[in-house]
Amino acid sequence: MPSSTLRLEQLQFSSDGRTPNSRLPVLVYRDVPIADADVAAAFERLFDSHFWPARWRAQVYDYHHYHSTSHEVLGVSRGWARLMLGGEQGREVEVEAGDALVLPAGTGHCQLEASDGFEVVGGYPVGQDYDLLRPDEATHDQAAARIARVTTPASDPVSGTEGALVGLWRPGKGPI
């Protein structure tokens, strides 16, 4: 895993009529500083310390899906993968061990390809429980209404109360 300085990328996706996505940017943290040899446990501690409790270790589902009732953080603990973000017509993003993604509620995601042993740690903000929806015109509007009610977390899962999410996702604090 690289040990360079943390870098942030922002990606913006809009609704495609099937996947709602979000007005909030997806945050992709590259090279999260992890000093522990057990990267999964380190991500779990990091997310837990910023009130985004880690709930599972697994791969990303290999079908397009999104969550309408919660934001999600994914910390890549092993291997690499090519993901599609933003729905079926979204954007391919490559991630590797040490990267983390913060997906606002409604953001489509799907694993296209992965190395053997690829693993992510998944977590959600305190008080938010996730659902699992597939892109669908028939359920799009109801899902978008739920997404609009999902509250903005008090902290960034990677950087805490001083993190990018706080400045970018809070009304009046950033370019949203």
C-alpha atoms as a PDB file:
ATOM      1  CA  MET A   1       0.000   0.000   0.000  1.00  0.00           C
ATOM      2  CA  PRO A   2       1.326   3.475  -0.860  1.00  0.00           C
ATOM      3  CA  SER A   3       2.455   5.608   2.053  1.00  0.00           C
ATOM      4  CA  SER A   4       2.265   9.042   0.443  1.00  0.00           C
ATOM      5  CA  THR A   5       0.129  11.985   1.474  1.00  0.00           C
ATOM      6  CA  LEU A   6      -3.660  11.744   1.525  1.00  0.00           C
ATOM      7  CA  ARG A   7      -5.221  13.074  -1.692  1.00  0.00           C
ATOM      8  CA  LEU A   8      -8.877  13.883  -2.323  1.00  0.00           C
ATOM      9  CA  GLU A   9     -10.866  13.560  -5.546  1.00  0.00           C
ATOM     10  CA  GLN A  10     -14.459  14.742  -5.956  1.00  0.00           C
ATOM     11  CA  LEU A  11     -16.882  13.216  -8.441  1.00  0.00           C
ATOM     12  CA  GLN A  12     -20.329  14.554  -9.269  1.00  0.00           C
ATOM     13  CA  PHE A  13     -23.205  12.489 -10.641  1.00  0.00           C
ATOM     14  CA  SER A  14     -26.775  13.427 -11.465  1.00  0.00           C
ATOM     15  CA  SER A  15     -29.862  11.285 -11.860  1.00  0.00           C
ATOM     16  CA  ASP A  16     -30.121   9.170 -14.993  1.00  0.00           C
ATOM     17  CA  GLY A  17     -33.820   8.463 -14.437  1.00  0.00           C
ATOM     18  CA  ARG A  18     -33.018   5.058 -12.916  1.00  0.00           C
ATOM     19  CA  THR A  19     -30.304   5.807 -10.345  1.00  0.00           C
ATOM     20  CA  PRO A  20     -31.013   8.982  -8.330  1.00  0.00           C
ATOM     21  CA  ASN A  21     -27.387   9.748  -7.367  1.00  0.00           C
ATOM     22  CA  SER A  22     -26.926  12.926  -5.296  1.00  0.00           C
ATOM     23  CA  ARG A  23     -26.340  16.661  -5.471  1.00  0.00           C
ATOM     24  CA  LEU A  24     -23.477  15.985  -3.026  1.00  0.00           C
ATOM     25  CA  PRO A  25     -20.074  14.980  -4.403  1.00  0.00           C
ATOM     26  CA  VAL A  26     -18.612  11.514  -4.034  1.00  0.00           C
ATOM     27  CA  LEU A  27     -15.335  11.813  -2.120  1.00  0.00           C
ATOM     28  CA  VAL A  28     -12.448   9.524  -3.086  1.00  0.00           C
ATOM     29  CA  TYR A  29      -9.550   9.590  -0.635  1.00  0.00           C
ATOM     30  CA  ARG A  30      -6.314   8.230  -2.072  1.00  0.00           C
ATOM     31  CA  ASP A  31      -3.551   6.886   0.163  1.00  0.00           C
ATOM     32  CA  VAL A  32      -5.258   7.202   3.540  1.00  0.00           C
ATOM     33  CA  PRO A  33      -2.404   7.099   6.072  1.00  0.00           C
ATOM     34  CA  ILE A  34      -2.678   3.656   7.693  1.00  0.00           C
ATOM     35  CA  ALA A  35       0.190   2.634   9.970  1.00  0.00           C
ATOM     36  CA  ASP A  36      -1.272  -0.721  11.016  1.00  0.00           C
ATOM     37  CA  ALA A  37      -0.404  -3.905   9.095  1.00  0.00           C
ATOM     38  CA  ASP A  38      -4.071  -4.933   9.511  1.00  0.00           C
ATOM     39  CA  VAL A  39      -5.541  -2.354   7.149  1.00  0.00           C
ATOM     40  CA  ALA A  40      -9.142  -3.569   7.627  1.00  0.00           C
ATOM     41  CA  ALA A  41      -8.919  -3.186  11.416  1.00  0.00           C
ATOM     42  CA  ALA A  42      -7.302   0.238  10.975  1.00  0.00           C
ATOM     43  CA  PHE A  43     -10.165   1.404   8.716  1.00  0.00           C
ATOM     44  CA  GLU A  44     -12.691   0.039  11.223  1.00  0.00           C
ATOM     45  CA  ARG A  45     -11.060   2.026  14.047  1.00  0.00           C
ATOM     46  CA  LEU A  46     -10.806   5.150  11.888  1.00  0.00           C
ATOM     47  CA  PHE A  47     -14.436   5.061  10.778  1.00  0.00           C
ATOM     48  CA  ASP A  48     -15.668   4.198  14.280  1.00  0.00           C
ATOM     49  CA  SER A  49     -13.698   7.124  15.757  1.00  0.00           C
ATOM     50  CA  HIS A  50     -15.499   9.545  13.418  1.00  0.00           C
ATOM     51  CA  PHE A  51     -19.011   8.174  14.088  1.00  0.00           C
ATOM     52  CA  TRP A  52     -19.296   6.088  10.915  1.00  0.00           C
ATOM     53  CA  PRO A  53     -19.298   2.614  12.518  1.00  0.00           C
ATOM     54  CA  ALA A  54     -17.871  -0.119  10.320  1.00  0.00           C
ATOM     55  CA  ARG A  55     -20.447  -2.877   9.804  1.00  0.00           C
ATOM     56  CA  TRP A  56     -18.901  -5.360   7.406  1.00  0.00           C
ATOM     57  CA  ARG A  57     -15.917  -6.592   5.412  1.00  0.00           C
ATOM     58  CA  ALA A  58     -16.583  -7.911   1.905  1.00  0.00           C
ATOM     59  CA  GLN A  59     -16.403  -6.981  -1.758  1.00  0.00           C
ATOM     60  CA  VAL A  60     -18.652  -4.478  -3.511  1.00  0.00           C
ATOM     61  CA  TYR A  61     -21.657  -6.161  -5.126  1.00  0.00           C
ATOM     62  CA  ASP A  62     -21.149  -6.959  -8.795  1.00  0.00           C
ATOM     63  CA  TYR A  63     -24.493  -5.436  -9.792  1.00  0.00           C
ATOM     64  CA  HIS A  64     -25.604  -1.804  -9.893  1.00  0.00           C
ATOM     65  CA  HIS A  65     -27.185  -0.686  -6.643  1.00  0.00           C
ATOM     66  CA  TYR A  66     -27.528   2.275  -4.302  1.00  0.00           C
ATOM     67  CA  HIS A  67     -28.776   3.165  -0.830  1.00  0.00           C
ATOM     68  CA  SER A  68     -31.658   5.617  -0.347  1.00  0.00           C
ATOM     69  CA  THR A  69     -31.608   5.802   3.457  1.00  0.00           C
ATOM     70  CA  SER A  70     -27.923   6.240   4.265  1.00  0.00           C
ATOM     71  CA  HIS A  71     -24.580   7.554   3.126  1.00  0.00           C
ATOM     72  CA  GLU A  72     -21.800   4.936   2.923  1.00  0.00           C
ATOM     73  CA  VAL A  73     -18.032   4.790   3.393  1.00  0.00           C
ATOM     74  CA  LEU A  74     -15.882   2.084   1.808  1.00  0.00           C
ATOM     75  CA  GLY A  75     -12.270   1.583   2.898  1.00  0.00           C
ATOM     76  CA  VAL A  76     -10.228  -0.613   0.563  1.00  0.00           C
ATOM     77  CA  SER A  77      -8.329  -2.931   2.868  1.00  0.00           C
ATOM     78  CA  ARG A  78      -6.866  -5.424   0.351  1.00  0.00           C
ATOM     79  CA  GLY A  79      -6.226  -5.617  -3.372  1.00  0.00           C
ATOM     80  CA  TRP A  80      -7.633  -3.443  -6.108  1.00  0.00           C
ATOM     81  CA  ALA A  81     -10.870  -3.078  -8.053  1.00  0.00           C
ATOM     82  CA  ARG A  82     -12.477  -1.288 -10.911  1.00  0.00           C
ATOM     83  CA  LEU A  83     -15.828   0.155  -9.833  1.00  0.00           C
ATOM     84  CA  MET A  84     -18.598   1.865 -11.761  1.00  0.00           C
ATOM     85  CA  LEU A  85     -19.925   4.852  -9.829  1.00  0.00           C
ATOM     86  CA  GLY A  86     -22.979   6.932 -10.687  1.00  0.00           C
ATOM     87  CA  GLY A  87     -25.146   4.223 -12.209  1.00  0.00           C
ATOM     88  CA  GLU A  88     -25.088   2.178 -15.368  1.00  0.00           C
ATOM     89  CA  GLN A  89     -23.838   5.126 -17.466  1.00  0.00           C
ATOM     90  CA  GLY A  90     -21.582   6.502 -14.710  1.00  0.00           C
ATOM     91  CA  ARG A  91     -17.818   6.595 -14.459  1.00  0.00           C
ATOM     92  CA  GLU A  92     -15.263   3.838 -13.916  1.00  0.00           C
ATOM     93  CA  VAL A  93     -12.965   4.400 -10.944  1.00  0.00           C
ATOM     94  CA  GLU A  94      -9.998   2.264  -9.929  1.00  0.00           C
ATOM     95  CA  VAL A  95      -9.302   1.842  -6.227  1.00  0.00           C
ATOM     96  CA  GLU A  96      -6.588   0.029  -4.297  1.00  0.00           C
ATOM     97  CA  ALA A  97      -5.670  -0.811  -0.726  1.00  0.00           C
ATOM     98  CA  GLY A  98      -5.434   2.382   1.276  1.00  0.00           C
ATOM     99  CA  ASP A  99      -8.153   4.254  -0.646  1.00  0.00           C
ATOM    100  CA  ALA A 100     -11.536   5.202   0.814  1.00  0.00           C
ATOM    101  CA  LEU A 101     -14.748   6.329  -0.876  1.00  0.00           C
ATOM    102  CA  VAL A 102     -17.581   8.303   0.683  1.00  0.00           C
ATOM    103  CA  LEU A 103     -20.786   7.745  -1.267  1.00  0.00           C
ATOM    104  CA  PRO A 104     -23.684  10.104  -0.595  1.00  0.00           C
ATOM    105  CA  ALA A 105     -27.099   8.439  -0.369  1.00  0.00           C
ATOM    106  CA  GLY A 106     -28.373   7.570  -3.835  1.00  0.00           C
ATOM    107  CA  THR A 107     -24.973   7.094  -5.472  1.00  0.00           C
ATOM    108  CA  GLY A 108     -24.961   4.091  -7.761  1.00  0.00           C
ATOM    109  CA  HIS A 109     -22.052   1.687  -7.421  1.00  0.00           C
ATOM    110  CA  CYS A 110     -21.019  -1.690  -8.820  1.00  0.00           C
ATOM    111  CA  GLN A 111     -17.842  -3.785  -8.869  1.00  0.00           C
ATOM    112  CA  LEU A 112     -16.735  -4.482 -12.449  1.00  0.00           C
ATOM    113  CA  GLU A 113     -13.451  -6.268 -11.798  1.00  0.00           C
ATOM    114  CA  ALA A 114     -11.254  -7.020  -8.789  1.00  0.00           C
ATOM    115  CA  SER A 115      -8.030  -8.688  -7.776  1.00  0.00           C
ATOM    116  CA  ASP A 116      -8.043 -11.936  -5.842  1.00  0.00           C
ATOM    117  CA  GLY A 117      -8.621 -11.130  -2.191  1.00  0.00           C
ATOM    118  CA  PHE A 118     -10.084  -7.671  -2.847  1.00  0.00           C
ATOM    119  CA  GLU A 119     -11.813  -6.444   0.319  1.00  0.00           C
ATOM    120  CA  VAL A 120     -13.492  -3.292   1.535  1.00  0.00           C
ATOM    121  CA  VAL A 121     -14.661  -2.231   4.982  1.00  0.00           C
ATOM    122  CA  GLY A 122     -18.134  -0.693   4.836  1.00  0.00           C
ATOM    123  CA  GLY A 123     -19.658   1.731   7.297  1.00  0.00           C
ATOM    124  CA  TYR A 124     -22.536   4.180   7.709  1.00  0.00           C
ATOM    125  CA  PRO A 125     -23.062   7.292   9.845  1.00  0.00           C
ATOM    126  CA  VAL A 126     -24.417   6.782  13.354  1.00  0.00           C
ATOM    127  CA  GLY A 127     -28.216   6.655  13.246  1.00  0.00           C
ATOM    128  CA  GLN A 128     -28.460   5.726   9.565  1.00  0.00           C
ATOM    129  CA  ASP A 129     -29.472   2.262   8.394  1.00  0.00           C
ATOM    130  CA  TYR A 130     -28.961   1.317   4.783  1.00  0.00           C
ATOM    131  CA  ASP A 131     -31.339  -0.246   2.305  1.00  0.00           C
ATOM    132  CA  LEU A 132     -30.343  -1.866  -0.986  1.00  0.00           C
ATOM    133  CA  LEU A 133     -31.997  -0.766  -4.222  1.00  0.00           C
ATOM    134  CA  ARG A 134     -31.312  -1.469  -7.869  1.00  0.00           C
ATOM    135  CA  PRO A 135     -31.723   1.189 -10.564  1.00  0.00           C
ATOM    136  CA  ASP A 136     -35.355   1.329 -11.678  1.00  0.00           C
ATOM    137  CA  GLU A 137     -37.538   4.008 -13.268  1.00  0.00           C
ATOM    138  CA  ALA A 138     -40.568   2.770 -11.313  1.00  0.00           C
ATOM    139  CA  THR A 139     -38.994   3.356  -7.878  1.00  0.00           C
ATOM    140  CA  HIS A 140     -36.733   6.309  -8.754  1.00  0.00           C
ATOM    141  CA  ASP A 141     -38.966   9.145  -7.499  1.00  0.00           C
ATOM    142  CA  GLN A 142     -39.824   7.489  -4.172  1.00  0.00           C
ATOM    143  CA  ALA A 143     -36.132   6.742  -3.595  1.00  0.00           C
ATOM    144  CA  ALA A 144     -35.186  10.337  -4.468  1.00  0.00           C
ATOM    145  CA  ALA A 145     -37.685  11.581  -1.853  1.00  0.00           C
ATOM    146  CA  ARG A 146     -36.052   9.343   0.806  1.00  0.00           C
ATOM    147  CA  ILE A 147     -32.572  10.491  -0.230  1.00  0.00           C
ATOM    148  CA  ALA A 148     -33.610  14.135   0.227  1.00  0.00           C
ATOM    149  CA  ARG A 149     -34.410  13.345   3.886  1.00  0.00           C
ATOM    150  CA  VAL A 150     -31.059  11.718   4.706  1.00  0.00           C
ATOM    151  CA  THR A 151     -29.233  13.988   7.134  1.00  0.00           C
ATOM    152  CA  THR A 152     -25.704  15.249   6.627  1.00  0.00           C
ATOM    153  CA  PRO A 153     -23.271  13.554   9.022  1.00  0.00           C
ATOM    154  CA  ALA A 154     -21.501  15.677  11.643  1.00  0.00           C
ATOM    155  CA  SER A 155     -18.085  14.411  10.611  1.00  0.00           C
ATOM    156  CA  ASP A 156     -16.057  13.021   7.756  1.00  0.00           C
ATOM    157  CA  PRO A 157     -15.337   9.267   8.197  1.00  0.00           C
ATOM    158  CA  VAL A 158     -11.676   9.722   7.208  1.00  0.00           C
ATOM    159  CA  SER A 159     -10.757  13.125   8.653  1.00  0.00           C
ATOM    160  CA  GLY A 160     -13.337  13.831  11.357  1.00  0.00           C
ATOM    161  CA  THR A 161     -14.885  17.239  11.987  1.00  0.00           C
ATOM    162  CA  GLU A 162     -12.174  18.996   9.978  1.00  0.00           C
ATOM    163  CA  GLY A 163     -12.615  16.754   6.944  1.00  0.00           C
ATOM    164  CA  ALA A 164     -13.654  17.620   3.409  1.00  0.00           C
ATOM    165  CA  LEU A 165     -17.155  16.243   3.844  1.00  0.00           C
ATOM    166  CA  VAL A 166     -17.970  18.843   6.511  1.00  0.00           C
ATOM    167  CA  GLY A 167     -16.999  21.707   4.212  1.00  0.00           C
ATOM    168  CA  LEU A 168     -18.436  20.260   1.002  1.00  0.00           C
ATOM    169  CA  TRP A 169     -21.666  18.655   2.184  1.00  0.00           C
ATOM    170  CA  ARG A 170     -22.919  21.221   4.712  1.00  0.00           C
ATOM    171  CA  PRO A 171     -25.224  23.979   3.389  1.00  0.00           C
ATOM    172  CA  GLY A 172     -23.418  27.298   3.131  1.00  0.00           C
ATOM    173  CA  LYS A 173     -20.013  25.654   3.608  1.00  0.00           C
ATOM    174  CA  GLY A 174     -19.139  24.563   0.105  1.00  0.00           C
ATOM    175  CA  PRO A 175     -19.963  24.606  -3.620  1.00  0.00           C
ATOM    176  CA  ILE A 176     -23.104  22.432  -3.620  1.00  0.00           C
END
